[in-house]
C-alpha cells in the first residue's frame, strides 16, 4: 500500500487530498517528495532510509490482520497528529498502536530512532 497525501491550506483549513498514484514507480514517487506540504504514507521501508526529502514520510507498521476500518482510523489519526503538531523530523514509522518512531539522519548512512524502536519480542 502506498498513498501520496497532499495537505493544502484553503481558507484557514487543511484539506487532505489522496493523489491516487497506486502502482507508480519508486523514482516517480521520490521525484514528488520535494514538497513540504506532502505526506507520504507507505508500507515500503525503502522510503524510510532513502534519499533526503522535504515531504513527511510515514512507514506504516499497522498490521494487515486488522480490519480495514481499524487501519484507516489509525492512519487518519496519525495524519491529523502530524499535520496539527509539526515536528522537526521528516521520517516516521507508525506503529501498530498508533504511536510514532521518529528517525533522524545523523550522518550519511547513520540513522537514529527517537524514541528508540522497541525490540521485537521474537528477537
N, C-alpha and C. Protein backbone atom coordinates (compact mmCIF):
# COMPACT_ATOMS: atom_id res chain seq x y z
N UNK A 1 0.84 -1.17 0.00
CA UNK A 1 0.00 0.00 0.00
C UNK A 1 0.89 1.23 0.00
N UNK A 2 0.64 2.12 -0.91
CA UNK A 2 1.36 3.37 -1.00
C UNK A 2 0.35 4.47 -1.27
N UNK A 3 0.42 5.53 -0.48
CA UNK A 3 -0.52 6.63 -0.65
C UNK A 3 0.24 7.93 -0.59
N UNK A 4 0.02 8.78 -1.56
CA UNK A 4 0.55 10.14 -1.52
C UNK A 4 -0.58 11.02 -1.03
N UNK A 5 -0.30 11.80 -0.03
CA UNK A 5 -1.31 12.68 0.53
C UNK A 5 -0.78 14.10 0.50
N UNK A 6 -1.52 14.98 -0.12
CA UNK A 6 -1.13 16.37 -0.20
C UNK A 6 -1.99 17.16 0.77
N UNK A 7 -1.37 17.97 1.60
CA UNK A 7 -2.11 18.75 2.58
C UNK A 7 -2.08 20.20 2.13
N UNK A 8 -3.23 20.73 1.80
CA UNK A 8 -3.33 22.10 1.30
C UNK A 8 -4.15 22.93 2.28
N UNK A 9 -3.72 24.17 2.46
CA UNK A 9 -4.49 25.10 3.28
C UNK A 9 -5.34 25.95 2.36
N UNK A 10 -6.61 26.05 2.69
CA UNK A 10 -7.54 26.87 1.93
C UNK A 10 -8.53 27.48 2.91
N UNK A 11 -8.59 28.78 2.92
CA UNK A 11 -9.49 29.50 3.83
C UNK A 11 -9.27 29.07 5.28
N UNK A 12 -7.98 28.92 5.65
CA UNK A 12 -7.63 28.61 7.03
C UNK A 12 -7.83 27.17 7.43
N UNK A 13 -8.27 26.30 6.51
CA UNK A 13 -8.50 24.90 6.84
C UNK A 13 -7.54 24.03 6.05
N UNK A 14 -7.14 22.91 6.66
CA UNK A 14 -6.27 21.96 5.98
C UNK A 14 -7.14 20.92 5.28
N UNK A 15 -6.78 20.62 4.05
CA UNK A 15 -7.50 19.62 3.27
C UNK A 15 -6.54 18.50 2.91
N UNK A 16 -6.97 17.27 3.10
CA UNK A 16 -6.14 16.11 2.78
C UNK A 16 -6.62 15.57 1.45
N UNK A 17 -5.69 15.47 0.50
CA UNK A 17 -6.02 15.04 -0.85
C UNK A 17 -5.19 13.79 -1.16
N UNK A 18 -5.84 12.68 -1.44
CA UNK A 18 -5.13 11.48 -1.85
C UNK A 18 -4.90 11.57 -3.35
N UNK A 19 -3.66 11.43 -3.76
CA UNK A 19 -3.31 11.65 -5.16
C UNK A 19 -3.51 10.43 -6.04
N UNK A 20 -3.78 9.26 -5.47
CA UNK A 20 -4.13 8.09 -6.25
C UNK A 20 -3.07 7.60 -7.22
N UNK A 21 -1.85 7.49 -6.77
CA UNK A 21 -0.75 7.05 -7.63
C UNK A 21 -0.43 5.58 -7.43
N UNK A 22 -1.38 4.78 -7.15
CA UNK A 22 -1.14 3.35 -6.92
C UNK A 22 -0.39 2.76 -8.12
N UNK A 23 0.69 2.05 -7.85
CA UNK A 23 1.46 1.42 -8.91
C UNK A 23 2.54 2.29 -9.52
N UNK A 24 2.68 3.53 -9.04
CA UNK A 24 3.72 4.42 -9.58
C UNK A 24 5.10 3.87 -9.20
N UNK A 25 6.08 4.12 -10.06
CA UNK A 25 7.45 3.66 -9.77
C UNK A 25 8.01 4.42 -8.57
N UNK A 26 8.97 3.80 -7.88
CA UNK A 26 9.61 4.45 -6.74
C UNK A 26 10.24 5.78 -7.15
N UNK A 27 10.87 5.82 -8.31
CA UNK A 27 11.52 7.05 -8.75
C UNK A 27 10.49 8.15 -9.00
N UNK A 28 9.37 7.81 -9.59
CA UNK A 28 8.32 8.81 -9.83
C UNK A 28 7.82 9.38 -8.51
N UNK A 29 7.67 8.52 -7.52
CA UNK A 29 7.23 8.97 -6.20
C UNK A 29 8.31 9.85 -5.57
N UNK A 30 9.57 9.40 -5.59
CA UNK A 30 10.66 10.19 -4.99
C UNK A 30 10.75 11.58 -5.61
N UNK A 31 10.49 11.67 -6.91
CA UNK A 31 10.52 12.97 -7.58
C UNK A 31 9.49 13.92 -7.02
N UNK A 32 8.41 13.41 -6.43
CA UNK A 32 7.35 14.24 -5.86
C UNK A 32 7.55 14.57 -4.40
N UNK A 33 8.48 13.94 -3.74
CA UNK A 33 8.66 14.11 -2.30
C UNK A 33 9.47 15.35 -1.94
N UNK A 34 9.38 16.38 -2.75
CA UNK A 34 10.12 17.61 -2.51
C UNK A 34 9.25 18.69 -1.86
N UNK A 35 7.95 18.46 -1.80
CA UNK A 35 7.03 19.46 -1.24
C UNK A 35 6.85 19.25 0.26
N UNK A 36 7.04 20.31 1.04
CA UNK A 36 6.84 20.22 2.49
C UNK A 36 5.39 19.89 2.84
N UNK A 37 4.46 20.23 1.98
CA UNK A 37 3.03 20.02 2.25
C UNK A 37 2.56 18.63 1.82
N UNK A 38 3.49 17.72 1.59
CA UNK A 38 3.16 16.37 1.15
C UNK A 38 3.45 15.38 2.26
N UNK A 39 2.51 14.49 2.50
CA UNK A 39 2.70 13.40 3.46
C UNK A 39 2.61 12.11 2.66
N UNK A 40 3.64 11.29 2.75
CA UNK A 40 3.71 10.04 2.01
C UNK A 40 3.56 8.90 2.99
N UNK A 41 2.46 8.16 2.88
CA UNK A 41 2.16 7.01 3.75
C UNK A 41 2.38 5.75 2.93
N UNK A 42 3.25 4.89 3.42
CA UNK A 42 3.61 3.69 2.67
C UNK A 42 3.90 2.55 3.63
N UNK A 43 3.98 1.35 3.09
CA UNK A 43 4.47 0.20 3.85
C UNK A 43 5.85 -0.21 3.34
N UNK A 44 6.37 0.52 2.40
CA UNK A 44 7.65 0.22 1.76
C UNK A 44 8.78 0.92 2.52
N UNK A 45 9.53 0.15 3.29
CA UNK A 45 10.56 0.76 4.13
C UNK A 45 11.76 1.27 3.33
N UNK A 46 11.81 1.02 2.03
CA UNK A 46 12.86 1.61 1.20
C UNK A 46 12.81 3.13 1.26
N UNK A 47 11.63 3.69 1.52
CA UNK A 47 11.48 5.15 1.58
C UNK A 47 11.89 5.71 2.94
N UNK A 48 12.03 4.85 3.95
CA UNK A 48 12.36 5.33 5.29
C UNK A 48 13.80 5.85 5.37
N UNK A 49 14.72 5.12 4.78
CA UNK A 49 16.13 5.48 4.88
C UNK A 49 16.73 5.88 3.54
N UNK A 50 15.90 6.26 2.61
CA UNK A 50 16.36 6.62 1.27
C UNK A 50 16.86 8.04 1.19
N UNK A 51 16.73 8.60 0.01
CA UNK A 51 17.21 9.94 -0.27
C UNK A 51 16.51 10.98 0.60
N UNK A 52 17.19 12.10 0.89
CA UNK A 52 16.56 13.17 1.68
C UNK A 52 15.31 13.70 0.98
N UNK A 53 14.37 14.16 1.79
CA UNK A 53 13.12 14.66 1.25
C UNK A 53 12.56 15.76 2.15
N UNK A 54 11.83 16.68 1.57
CA UNK A 54 11.13 17.68 2.38
C UNK A 54 9.78 17.16 2.84
N UNK A 55 9.20 16.23 2.11
CA UNK A 55 7.89 15.66 2.46
C UNK A 55 8.01 14.85 3.75
N UNK A 56 6.90 14.68 4.43
CA UNK A 56 6.84 13.76 5.55
C UNK A 56 6.71 12.35 4.99
N UNK A 57 7.53 11.43 5.46
CA UNK A 57 7.47 10.04 5.04
C UNK A 57 7.07 9.21 6.25
N UNK A 58 5.98 8.47 6.12
CA UNK A 58 5.48 7.64 7.21
C UNK A 58 5.39 6.20 6.70
N UNK A 59 6.16 5.32 7.34
CA UNK A 59 6.10 3.90 7.00
C UNK A 59 5.19 3.23 8.02
N UNK A 60 4.10 2.68 7.53
CA UNK A 60 3.11 2.07 8.39
C UNK A 60 3.53 0.66 8.80
N UNK A 61 3.51 0.44 10.10
CA UNK A 61 3.73 -0.90 10.67
C UNK A 61 2.41 -1.45 11.22
N UNK A 62 1.31 -0.82 10.82
CA UNK A 62 -0.01 -1.27 11.26
C UNK A 62 -0.28 -2.62 10.61
N UNK A 63 -0.63 -3.60 11.42
CA UNK A 63 -0.81 -4.96 10.95
C UNK A 63 -1.93 -5.09 9.92
N UNK A 64 -1.65 -5.82 8.86
CA UNK A 64 -2.65 -6.09 7.84
C UNK A 64 -3.77 -6.98 8.37
N UNK A 65 -3.52 -7.67 9.47
CA UNK A 65 -4.54 -8.53 10.06
C UNK A 65 -5.68 -7.72 10.69
N UNK A 66 -5.44 -6.45 10.94
CA UNK A 66 -6.51 -5.59 11.48
C UNK A 66 -7.59 -5.39 10.42
N UNK A 67 -8.80 -5.15 10.87
CA UNK A 67 -9.87 -4.81 9.94
C UNK A 67 -9.51 -3.51 9.22
N UNK A 68 -9.95 -3.37 7.99
CA UNK A 68 -9.63 -2.18 7.19
C UNK A 68 -10.06 -0.91 7.93
N UNK A 69 -11.23 -0.92 8.53
CA UNK A 69 -11.71 0.27 9.24
C UNK A 69 -10.78 0.65 10.38
N UNK A 70 -10.24 -0.33 11.08
CA UNK A 70 -9.29 -0.06 12.17
C UNK A 70 -8.01 0.57 11.62
N UNK A 71 -7.47 -0.02 10.54
CA UNK A 71 -6.24 0.53 9.96
C UNK A 71 -6.45 1.95 9.48
N UNK A 72 -7.55 2.19 8.79
CA UNK A 72 -7.82 3.53 8.26
C UNK A 72 -7.94 4.53 9.40
N UNK A 73 -8.56 4.15 10.49
CA UNK A 73 -8.70 5.05 11.63
C UNK A 73 -7.34 5.37 12.25
N UNK A 74 -6.47 4.37 12.37
CA UNK A 74 -5.11 4.61 12.88
C UNK A 74 -4.37 5.56 11.95
N UNK A 75 -4.47 5.33 10.65
CA UNK A 75 -3.80 6.20 9.67
C UNK A 75 -4.37 7.61 9.73
N UNK A 76 -5.68 7.72 9.82
CA UNK A 76 -6.33 9.04 9.86
C UNK A 76 -5.85 9.84 11.08
N UNK A 77 -5.84 9.19 12.25
CA UNK A 77 -5.37 9.88 13.47
C UNK A 77 -3.90 10.28 13.34
N UNK A 78 -3.10 9.43 12.73
CA UNK A 78 -1.67 9.73 12.56
C UNK A 78 -1.47 10.94 11.65
N UNK A 79 -2.21 10.98 10.56
CA UNK A 79 -2.11 12.11 9.63
C UNK A 79 -2.51 13.40 10.33
N UNK A 80 -3.61 13.36 11.05
CA UNK A 80 -4.05 14.55 11.79
C UNK A 80 -3.01 14.99 12.81
N UNK A 81 -2.44 14.01 13.53
CA UNK A 81 -1.44 14.34 14.54
C UNK A 81 -0.23 15.03 13.90
N UNK A 82 0.27 14.48 12.82
CA UNK A 82 1.45 15.07 12.18
C UNK A 82 1.17 16.43 11.56
N UNK A 83 -0.04 16.64 11.07
CA UNK A 83 -0.34 17.94 10.45
C UNK A 83 -0.69 18.99 11.49
N UNK A 84 -1.26 18.59 12.62
CA UNK A 84 -1.64 19.55 13.65
C UNK A 84 -0.52 19.82 14.65
N UNK A 85 0.44 18.90 14.74
CA UNK A 85 1.54 19.03 15.70
C UNK A 85 2.86 18.84 14.96
N UNK A 86 3.30 19.85 14.20
CA UNK A 86 4.52 19.70 13.40
C UNK A 86 5.73 19.32 14.25
N UNK A 87 6.58 18.51 13.66
CA UNK A 87 7.80 18.04 14.32
C UNK A 87 8.99 18.32 13.41
N UNK A 88 10.16 18.42 13.98
CA UNK A 88 11.33 18.69 13.12
C UNK A 88 11.71 17.50 12.23
N UNK A 89 11.43 16.28 12.68
CA UNK A 89 11.77 15.10 11.90
C UNK A 89 10.85 15.01 10.67
N UNK A 90 11.35 14.34 9.62
CA UNK A 90 10.58 14.18 8.39
C UNK A 90 10.31 12.72 8.07
N UNK A 91 10.87 11.78 8.85
CA UNK A 91 10.69 10.33 8.62
C UNK A 91 10.16 9.68 9.88
N UNK A 92 9.13 8.84 9.71
CA UNK A 92 8.49 8.21 10.85
C UNK A 92 8.09 6.77 10.52
N UNK A 93 8.05 5.95 11.56
CA UNK A 93 7.36 4.67 11.50
C UNK A 93 6.09 4.85 12.32
N UNK A 94 4.98 4.40 11.79
CA UNK A 94 3.72 4.41 12.51
C UNK A 94 3.51 3.00 13.03
N UNK A 95 3.56 2.85 14.33
CA UNK A 95 3.48 1.54 14.94
C UNK A 95 2.02 1.07 15.01
N UNK A 96 1.84 -0.21 15.27
CA UNK A 96 0.50 -0.81 15.28
C UNK A 96 -0.42 -0.17 16.31
N UNK A 97 0.15 0.38 17.38
CA UNK A 97 -0.68 1.01 18.43
C UNK A 97 -0.97 2.48 18.12
N UNK A 98 -0.50 2.97 16.97
CA UNK A 98 -0.73 4.36 16.60
C UNK A 98 0.36 5.32 17.03
N UNK A 99 1.36 4.82 17.75
CA UNK A 99 2.47 5.68 18.17
C UNK A 99 3.47 5.83 17.02
N UNK A 100 4.32 6.85 17.14
CA UNK A 100 5.33 7.12 16.12
C UNK A 100 6.72 6.83 16.64
N UNK A 101 7.58 6.40 15.75
CA UNK A 101 9.01 6.38 15.98
C UNK A 101 9.58 7.33 14.94
N UNK A 102 10.22 8.39 15.41
CA UNK A 102 10.81 9.38 14.51
C UNK A 102 12.25 8.98 14.21
N UNK A 103 12.65 9.14 12.96
CA UNK A 103 14.01 8.82 12.55
C UNK A 103 14.72 10.07 12.08
N UNK A 104 16.00 10.17 12.45
CA UNK A 104 16.83 11.30 12.02
C UNK A 104 18.14 10.76 11.45
N UNK A 105 18.58 11.39 10.37
CA UNK A 105 19.87 11.01 9.80
C UNK A 105 20.95 11.84 10.49
N UNK A 106 21.84 11.16 11.20
CA UNK A 106 22.91 11.84 11.94
C UNK A 106 24.09 12.15 11.05
N UNK A 107 24.37 11.26 10.13
CA UNK A 107 25.43 11.45 9.14
C UNK A 107 25.10 10.50 7.98
N UNK A 108 25.77 10.62 6.85
CA UNK A 108 25.43 9.75 5.73
C UNK A 108 25.43 8.27 6.13
N UNK A 109 24.30 7.62 5.93
CA UNK A 109 24.18 6.20 6.24
C UNK A 109 23.94 5.87 7.70
N UNK A 110 23.85 6.89 8.57
CA UNK A 110 23.64 6.65 10.01
C UNK A 110 22.33 7.29 10.43
N UNK A 111 21.37 6.44 10.80
CA UNK A 111 20.04 6.90 11.22
C UNK A 111 19.82 6.49 12.66
N UNK A 112 19.16 7.34 13.43
CA UNK A 112 18.82 7.00 14.81
C UNK A 112 17.33 7.22 15.03
N UNK A 113 16.77 6.37 15.87
CA UNK A 113 15.36 6.45 16.21
C UNK A 113 15.19 7.27 17.46
N UNK A 114 14.11 8.05 17.50
CA UNK A 114 13.80 8.86 18.67
C UNK A 114 12.30 8.79 18.90
N UNK A 115 11.77 8.14 19.87
CA UNK A 115 12.47 7.27 20.81
C UNK A 115 12.92 5.99 20.11
N UNK A 116 13.88 5.30 20.70
CA UNK A 116 14.34 4.06 20.07
C UNK A 116 13.18 3.10 19.84
N UNK A 117 13.22 2.44 18.71
CA UNK A 117 12.19 1.46 18.37
C UNK A 117 12.22 0.31 19.35
N UNK A 118 11.06 -0.11 19.85
CA UNK A 118 11.06 -1.22 20.80
C UNK A 118 11.57 -2.51 20.17
N UNK A 119 12.20 -3.32 20.97
CA UNK A 119 12.71 -4.60 20.47
C UNK A 119 11.55 -5.53 20.17
N UNK A 120 11.70 -6.30 19.12
CA UNK A 120 10.71 -7.32 18.77
C UNK A 120 10.86 -8.46 19.77
N UNK A 121 9.78 -8.86 20.46
CA UNK A 121 9.91 -9.93 21.47
C UNK A 121 10.36 -11.25 20.89
N UNK A 122 10.27 -11.43 19.56
CA UNK A 122 10.69 -12.68 18.94
C UNK A 122 12.17 -12.69 18.63
N UNK A 123 12.86 -11.54 18.79
CA UNK A 123 14.31 -11.49 18.52
C UNK A 123 15.10 -12.08 19.66
